[in-house]
């Protein structure tokens, strides 16, 4: 049984930083690309960042490029999202996701991801 468990969310002031973690179990973690998505109240879930199986390739949404960094530690079965210069519009529930394809490139589309965590709330105050 695949489990993805996010942690690290919380309340932060605008301009601050948070680091999200996603611990994976039940899958060959180092074989799959991983992604982060977010969903604000009343909005669709949207792509934030993705990383390939080795960590050598990443993709970002334009809205977070230059502020957020995705990384992974295959020895710890964990993917991270470092979020700097946070803005109130970054407020959302953040979800970790596992791709459905072995050794693939990082992808932006939701349908590419088969496994999802329960989400962690990030709130940025102005």
Protein backbone atom coordinates (compact mmCIF):
# COMPACT_ATOMS: atom_id res chain seq x y z
CA UNK A 1 0.00 0.00 0.00
CA UNK A 2 1.46 3.33 -1.10
CA UNK A 3 1.46 6.13 1.45
CA UNK A 4 2.57 9.72 1.00
CA UNK A 5 2.63 11.80 4.18
CA UNK A 6 3.22 15.54 4.01
CA UNK A 7 4.47 17.68 6.86
CA UNK A 8 5.88 21.12 7.47
CA UNK A 9 2.90 23.32 6.73
CA UNK A 10 1.84 26.15 8.98
CA UNK A 11 1.22 29.86 9.35
CA UNK A 12 3.91 32.28 8.20
CA UNK A 13 4.09 35.99 7.46
CA UNK A 14 4.55 37.27 3.94
CA UNK A 15 8.20 37.15 2.97
CA UNK A 16 8.86 34.18 5.21
CA UNK A 17 9.88 30.61 4.42
CA UNK A 18 8.64 27.09 4.98
CA UNK A 19 9.96 23.67 4.00
CA UNK A 20 7.47 20.95 3.23
CA UNK A 21 8.41 17.28 3.39
CA UNK A 22 6.71 14.25 1.91
CA UNK A 23 7.67 10.82 3.20
CA UNK A 24 6.84 7.94 0.88
CA UNK A 25 6.36 4.25 1.61
CA UNK A 26 5.07 1.23 -0.27
CA UNK A 27 6.65 2.08 -3.60
CA UNK A 28 10.07 2.05 -5.21
CA UNK A 29 10.53 5.73 -4.47
CA UNK A 30 13.73 6.16 -6.46
CA UNK A 31 11.97 4.97 -9.62
CA UNK A 32 9.29 7.64 -9.83
CA UNK A 33 9.02 11.33 -10.52
CA UNK A 34 7.34 13.25 -7.72
CA UNK A 35 5.33 16.44 -7.70
CA UNK A 36 3.78 19.09 -5.50
CA UNK A 37 0.36 20.55 -6.19
CA UNK A 38 -1.74 23.04 -4.25
CA UNK A 39 -5.39 23.90 -3.91
CA UNK A 40 -6.77 27.15 -2.56
CA UNK A 41 -10.39 27.47 -1.38
CA UNK A 42 -12.76 27.59 -4.32
CA UNK A 43 -10.01 26.90 -6.86
CA UNK A 44 -8.80 23.95 -8.87
CA UNK A 45 -5.79 21.96 -7.72
CA UNK A 46 -2.78 23.35 -9.56
CA UNK A 47 0.73 22.25 -10.34
CA UNK A 48 3.55 23.74 -8.26
CA UNK A 49 6.73 21.74 -8.93
CA UNK A 50 7.97 18.33 -10.02
CA UNK A 51 11.22 16.40 -9.96
CA UNK A 52 12.37 13.36 -11.88
CA UNK A 53 13.41 10.06 -10.29
CA UNK A 54 17.06 11.01 -9.90
CA UNK A 55 16.60 14.65 -8.92
CA UNK A 56 18.42 15.78 -12.03
CA UNK A 57 15.45 17.44 -13.71
CA UNK A 58 12.82 19.76 -12.27
CA UNK A 59 9.87 21.84 -13.44
CA UNK A 60 8.07 24.74 -11.77
CA UNK A 61 4.93 26.72 -12.20
CA UNK A 62 5.67 30.25 -13.37
CA UNK A 63 4.08 31.63 -10.20
CA UNK A 64 6.68 30.00 -7.94
CA UNK A 65 9.78 29.95 -10.15
CA UNK A 66 12.73 31.53 -8.38
CA UNK A 67 11.04 31.28 -4.96
CA UNK A 68 10.38 27.56 -4.50
CA UNK A 69 12.83 24.66 -4.82
CA UNK A 70 11.91 21.00 -5.10
CA UNK A 71 14.43 18.35 -4.10
CA UNK A 72 14.51 14.73 -3.06
CA UNK A 73 16.54 12.34 -0.93
CA UNK A 74 16.11 8.84 -2.34
CA UNK A 75 17.92 7.36 0.65
CA UNK A 76 15.18 8.73 2.90
CA UNK A 77 12.28 8.21 0.48
CA UNK A 78 11.43 11.88 0.91
CA UNK A 79 10.71 14.79 -1.39
CA UNK A 80 10.93 18.39 -0.21
CA UNK A 81 9.56 21.76 -1.23
CA UNK A 82 11.53 24.74 0.04
CA UNK A 83 9.33 27.83 -0.15
CA UNK A 84 10.92 31.25 0.19
CA UNK A 85 9.55 34.78 -0.19
CA UNK A 86 6.08 33.52 0.50
CA UNK A 87 3.10 35.60 -0.58
CA UNK A 88 -0.52 35.58 0.64
CA UNK A 89 -1.52 34.08 -2.73
CA UNK A 90 0.57 31.00 -1.87
CA UNK A 91 -2.00 30.13 0.80
CA UNK A 92 -3.40 26.69 -0.01
CA UNK A 93 -3.40 23.04 0.92
CA UNK A 94 -0.24 21.53 -0.55
CA UNK A 95 -0.28 17.96 -1.83
CA UNK A 96 2.55 15.60 -2.61
CA UNK A 97 2.03 13.27 -5.58
CA UNK A 98 3.74 10.27 -7.14
CA UNK A 99 3.88 9.83 -10.90
CA UNK A 100 2.35 6.75 -12.50
CA UNK A 101 5.32 6.11 -14.79
CA UNK A 102 8.70 4.60 -13.93
CA UNK A 103 11.80 6.71 -14.65
CA UNK A 104 9.81 9.44 -16.33
CA UNK A 105 10.45 13.16 -16.67
CA UNK A 106 8.78 15.57 -14.26
CA UNK A 107 5.28 16.41 -15.46
CA UNK A 108 2.81 19.25 -14.84
CA UNK A 109 -0.52 17.53 -15.41
CA UNK A 110 -2.58 16.09 -12.55
CA UNK A 111 -3.58 12.99 -14.48
CA UNK A 112 0.07 11.90 -14.63
CA UNK A 113 0.04 11.27 -10.89
CA UNK A 114 -1.37 8.13 -9.37
CA UNK A 115 -0.50 8.52 -5.71
CA UNK A 116 -1.51 11.44 -3.48
CA UNK A 117 -0.92 12.52 0.09
CA UNK A 118 -3.52 13.95 2.41
CA UNK A 119 -2.23 17.50 2.13
CA UNK A 120 -0.74 20.06 4.49
CA UNK A 121 -2.09 23.57 5.03
CA UNK A 122 0.10 26.57 4.27
CA UNK A 123 -1.24 29.96 5.30
CA UNK A 124 0.63 33.16 4.49
CA UNK A 125 -0.52 36.30 6.29
CA UNK A 126 -0.06 39.78 4.86
